[in-house]
């Protein structure tokens, strides 16, 4: 082979080898970069998701999905439950959204389950210059196909309970980090529990209480939500309440 041919072969080989090396190295670099980017605050997303699942209840915006996740509900009973539940809701389970040049309004739903109990939040919202949001909460016993009234959750709910009052105010003030709650709006010691103005929601480790905007302070402060740990709330719960929140 002539010297000229050898030189041509040499300069042809170099780019080919270089391309092969690049094809090997680039995926490795991208792979390692991907691994770094999937960490959040040094934690893997899988770990974060697992921790979140331990702390929060699973929620869905579909009644059918919520019922499908519950055991021992056949097709016939599911149809019966859907009819009963929608008839019990103020807006009959119909989500909506309307908007025009000056305002908007709508209704949305979220569903949580705990054993045989179904928790529903019905949110009516809207606004223009100022927004509003009202949440109605419902608890259904899907086994007995009945609505559980909030007053049946707490012992002597129609009477004052100073110890329960103290517990609620303690957790409200912990939540009020911006000092936006107006003290005169807090539940009074001589108020019956049914006059506290909260709605109930499901929390995995306790009893969830929610106050709509404007109930405890200015609308700008938004709603207030607290979770009373089950260990502290248990003594104030009826047998029904214990079963619902166990």
Protein backbone atom coordinates (compact mmCIF):
# COMPACT_ATOMS: atom_id res chain seq x y z
CA UNK A 1 0.00 0.00 0.00
CA UNK A 2 1.37 3.38 -0.91
CA UNK A 3 2.10 6.04 1.68
CA UNK A 4 -0.75 8.17 0.30
CA UNK A 5 -3.23 5.31 0.67
CA UNK A 6 -2.06 4.65 4.24
CA UNK A 7 -2.59 8.30 5.15
CA UNK A 8 -6.11 8.21 3.70
CA UNK A 9 -6.93 5.07 5.67
CA UNK A 10 -5.57 6.61 8.88
CA UNK A 11 -7.62 9.82 8.57
CA UNK A 12 -10.74 7.82 7.65
CA UNK A 13 -10.37 5.54 10.69
CA UNK A 14 -9.99 8.37 13.22
CA UNK A 15 -13.43 9.96 12.64
CA UNK A 16 -15.07 6.54 12.60
CA UNK A 17 -13.49 5.60 15.93
CA UNK A 18 -14.33 9.01 17.36
CA UNK A 19 -17.98 8.61 16.36
CA UNK A 20 -18.15 5.16 17.96
CA UNK A 21 -16.68 6.52 21.22
CA UNK A 22 -19.17 9.40 21.23
CA UNK A 23 -22.06 7.00 20.67
CA UNK A 24 -20.98 5.08 23.78
CA UNK A 25 -20.20 8.07 26.03
CA UNK A 26 -23.18 10.37 25.28
CA UNK A 27 -25.90 7.93 26.46
CA UNK A 28 -23.93 7.34 29.67
CA UNK A 29 -23.70 11.09 30.33
CA UNK A 30 -27.42 11.57 29.63
CA UNK A 31 -28.30 8.60 31.79
CA UNK A 32 -26.32 9.95 34.76
CA UNK A 33 -27.79 13.41 34.26
CA UNK A 34 -31.27 11.91 34.27
CA UNK A 35 -30.55 10.16 37.55
CA UNK A 36 -29.45 13.41 39.14
CA UNK A 37 -32.49 15.32 37.87
CA UNK A 38 -34.93 12.73 39.19
CA UNK A 39 -33.84 13.49 42.74
CA UNK A 40 -35.67 16.21 44.64
CA UNK A 41 -33.89 17.53 47.70
CA UNK A 42 -31.72 14.43 47.61
CA UNK A 43 -34.74 12.11 47.59
CA UNK A 44 -35.97 9.77 44.92
CA UNK A 45 -39.51 10.51 43.59
CA UNK A 46 -40.50 6.97 44.54
CA UNK A 47 -39.54 7.70 48.15
CA UNK A 48 -41.39 11.03 48.13
CA UNK A 49 -44.50 9.41 46.70
CA UNK A 50 -44.42 6.69 49.33
CA UNK A 51 -44.11 9.25 52.13
CA UNK A 52 -47.00 11.25 50.67
CA UNK A 53 -49.18 8.17 50.46
CA UNK A 54 -48.55 7.55 54.15
CA UNK A 55 -49.57 11.11 55.08
CA UNK A 56 -52.52 11.84 52.83
CA UNK A 57 -55.75 10.15 51.82
CA UNK A 58 -56.22 9.12 48.20
CA UNK A 59 -58.70 11.41 46.49
CA UNK A 60 -60.54 11.21 43.18
CA UNK A 61 -62.93 13.45 41.25
CA UNK A 62 -64.98 10.49 40.01
CA UNK A 63 -67.78 8.96 42.07
CA UNK A 64 -67.66 5.78 39.97
CA UNK A 65 -63.89 5.41 40.55
CA UNK A 66 -64.38 5.93 44.29
CA UNK A 67 -67.09 3.26 44.47
CA UNK A 68 -65.05 0.89 42.30
CA UNK A 69 -62.20 1.13 44.80
CA UNK A 70 -64.47 -0.12 47.61
CA UNK A 71 -65.02 -3.79 48.34
CA UNK A 72 -68.27 -5.74 48.12
CA UNK A 73 -70.15 -3.24 45.93
CA UNK A 74 -71.70 -5.10 43.02
CA UNK A 75 -73.13 -3.48 39.89
CA UNK A 76 -76.71 -3.37 41.19
CA UNK A 77 -75.74 -1.83 44.53
CA UNK A 78 -73.42 0.66 42.86
CA UNK A 79 -76.28 1.94 40.68
CA UNK A 80 -78.49 2.24 43.78
CA UNK A 81 -75.75 4.10 45.67
CA UNK A 82 -75.11 6.56 42.84
CA UNK A 83 -78.81 7.47 42.68
CA UNK A 84 -79.09 7.85 46.46
CA UNK A 85 -75.88 9.87 46.75
CA UNK A 86 -76.67 12.28 43.91
CA UNK A 87 -80.18 12.83 45.26
CA UNK A 88 -78.64 13.74 48.65
CA UNK A 89 -76.20 16.33 47.28
CA UNK A 90 -77.24 19.96 46.95
CA UNK A 91 -76.18 20.11 43.31
CA UNK A 92 -77.08 16.48 42.58
CA UNK A 93 -73.52 15.44 41.82
CA UNK A 94 -73.35 17.54 38.64
CA UNK A 95 -70.08 19.35 38.06
CA UNK A 96 -70.36 22.59 36.10
CA UNK A 97 -68.47 25.66 34.98
CA UNK A 98 -69.81 28.88 33.46
CA UNK A 99 -67.95 32.01 32.43
CA UNK A 100 -68.92 35.32 30.89
CA UNK A 101 -67.27 38.68 30.46
CA UNK A 102 -67.68 39.71 34.10
CA UNK A 103 -67.80 36.59 36.27
CA UNK A 104 -67.41 32.83 36.48
CA UNK A 105 -69.00 30.14 38.62
CA UNK A 106 -69.07 26.39 38.97
CA UNK A 107 -69.41 23.29 41.10
CA UNK A 108 -66.85 20.53 41.55
CA UNK A 109 -66.61 17.34 43.58
CA UNK A 110 -63.94 15.25 45.27
CA UNK A 111 -64.33 11.80 46.83
CA UNK A 112 -62.44 9.90 49.52
CA UNK A 113 -63.06 6.45 50.95
CA UNK A 114 -62.31 4.82 54.28
CA UNK A 115 -63.52 1.25 54.52
CA UNK A 116 -67.27 1.31 53.84
CA UNK A 117 -67.50 5.09 54.26
CA UNK A 118 -67.52 7.55 51.39
CA UNK A 119 -66.54 11.19 51.98
CA UNK A 120 -67.72 13.78 49.46
CA UNK A 121 -66.73 17.44 49.20
CA UNK A 122 -69.07 19.55 47.07
CA UNK A 123 -67.40 22.87 46.23
CA UNK A 124 -69.34 25.81 44.84
CA UNK A 125 -66.98 28.51 43.54
CA UNK A 126 -66.99 31.67 41.50
CA UNK A 127 -65.99 35.27 41.35
CA UNK A 128 -64.89 38.26 39.33
CA UNK A 129 -63.79 41.23 41.44
CA UNK A 130 -63.63 38.96 44.48
CA UNK A 131 -63.83 35.18 44.51
CA UNK A 132 -65.85 32.86 46.71
CA UNK A 133 -65.71 29.17 47.56
CA UNK A 134 -68.15 27.22 49.72
CA UNK A 135 -67.66 23.56 50.56
CA UNK A 136 -70.40 21.21 51.69
CA UNK A 137 -69.22 17.88 53.08
CA UNK A 138 -71.09 14.58 53.21
CA UNK A 139 -70.33 11.16 54.72
CA UNK A 140 -72.15 8.10 53.39
CA UNK A 141 -72.34 4.59 54.79
CA UNK A 142 -72.23 2.56 51.57
CA UNK A 143 -73.19 -0.65 53.35
CA UNK A 144 -76.43 0.70 54.79
CA UNK A 145 -76.88 3.23 51.95
CA UNK A 146 -77.45 6.16 54.26
CA UNK A 147 -76.16 9.66 54.90
CA UNK A 148 -74.38 10.14 58.23
CA UNK A 149 -75.25 13.52 59.82
CA UNK A 150 -72.23 15.45 61.23
CA UNK A 151 -73.82 15.66 64.68
CA UNK A 152 -73.69 11.87 64.97
CA UNK A 153 -69.88 11.97 64.80
CA UNK A 154 -69.31 13.75 68.12
CA UNK A 155 -70.56 12.93 71.61
CA UNK A 156 -73.22 15.43 72.75
CA UNK A 157 -72.65 17.52 69.62
CA UNK A 158 -75.58 19.77 70.48
CA UNK A 159 -74.04 20.75 73.81
CA UNK A 160 -70.95 22.81 74.78
CA UNK A 161 -67.74 20.87 75.36
CA UNK A 162 -64.95 23.05 76.80
CA UNK A 163 -62.25 20.38 76.36
CA UNK A 164 -63.10 19.87 72.68
CA UNK A 165 -63.24 23.65 72.26
CA UNK A 166 -59.75 23.97 73.73
CA UNK A 167 -58.39 21.29 71.38
CA UNK A 168 -59.92 22.87 68.28
CA UNK A 169 -58.67 26.36 69.12
CA UNK A 170 -55.19 25.01 69.87
CA UNK A 171 -54.93 23.49 66.38
CA UNK A 172 -56.53 26.49 64.68
CA UNK A 173 -54.01 28.87 66.22
CA UNK A 174 -51.16 26.56 65.20
CA UNK A 175 -52.48 26.73 61.63
CA UNK A 176 -52.88 30.53 61.76
CA UNK A 177 -49.22 31.32 61.04
CA UNK A 178 -50.11 34.70 59.46
CA UNK A 179 -52.28 35.75 62.41
CA UNK A 180 -55.30 36.25 60.14
CA UNK A 181 -57.96 34.58 62.32
CA UNK A 182 -60.15 37.10 64.10
CA UNK A 183 -60.31 36.00 67.72
CA UNK A 184 -63.96 37.01 68.07
CA UNK A 185 -64.83 34.53 65.29
CA UNK A 186 -63.31 31.53 67.08
CA UNK A 187 -65.74 28.97 68.55
CA UNK A 188 -66.74 29.98 72.07
CA UNK A 189 -66.47 27.72 75.11
CA UNK A 190 -70.25 27.73 75.58
CA UNK A 191 -70.99 27.03 71.88
CA UNK A 192 -72.36 23.58 71.03
CA UNK A 193 -70.11 21.68 68.61
CA UNK A 194 -72.77 21.95 65.89
CA UNK A 195 -72.31 25.76 65.95
CA UNK A 196 -68.56 25.70 65.32
CA UNK A 197 -69.15 26.26 61.60
CA UNK A 198 -66.84 23.54 60.22
CA UNK A 199 -67.42 20.79 57.72
CA UNK A 200 -65.80 17.36 58.04
CA UNK A 201 -63.29 15.79 55.69
CA UNK A 202 -61.30 12.58 55.74
CA UNK A 203 -57.68 12.60 56.84
CA UNK A 204 -55.67 9.43 57.12
CA UNK A 205 -54.39 10.04 60.65
CA UNK A 206 -57.19 12.02 62.23
CA UNK A 207 -60.41 14.00 62.00
CA UNK A 208 -60.38 16.76 59.39
CA UNK A 209 -62.23 20.02 60.09
CA UNK A 210 -62.64 22.75 57.47
CA UNK A 211 -63.95 26.32 57.75
CA UNK A 212 -64.96 28.13 54.55
CA UNK A 213 -63.55 31.50 53.54
CA UNK A 214 -64.78 34.34 55.70
CA UNK A 215 -65.95 32.18 58.61
CA UNK A 216 -62.92 32.76 60.83
CA UNK A 217 -61.44 35.85 59.19
CA UNK A 218 -61.22 37.85 55.99
CA UNK A 219 -61.88 36.11 52.66
CA UNK A 220 -58.29 36.84 51.69
CA UNK A 221 -57.11 34.47 54.43
CA UNK A 222 -58.81 31.63 52.59
CA UNK A 223 -60.33 28.54 54.19
CA UNK A 224 -58.84 27.01 57.32
CA UNK A 225 -58.26 23.27 57.61
CA UNK A 226 -56.97 21.34 60.60
CA UNK A 227 -56.54 17.66 61.37
CA UNK A 228 -57.13 16.60 64.96
CA UNK A 229 -54.97 13.51 65.61
CA UNK A 230 -57.18 10.47 66.16
CA UNK A 231 -55.48 9.81 69.51
CA UNK A 232 -56.63 13.23 70.77
CA UNK A 233 -60.05 13.33 69.07
CA UNK A 234 -61.10 9.76 69.97
CA UNK A 235 -62.56 10.64 73.39
CA UNK A 236 -64.93 13.11 71.75
CA UNK A 237 -66.21 10.70 69.10
CA UNK A 238 -69.34 8.56 69.22
CA UNK A 239 -69.11 4.90 68.25
CA UNK A 240 -70.17 5.97 64.77
CA UNK A 241 -67.44 8.63 64.73
CA UNK A 242 -64.81 6.10 65.80
CA UNK A 243 -65.90 3.71 63.07
CA UNK A 244 -65.85 6.44 60.42
CA UNK A 245 -62.39 7.75 61.34
CA UNK A 246 -60.62 4.62 62.61
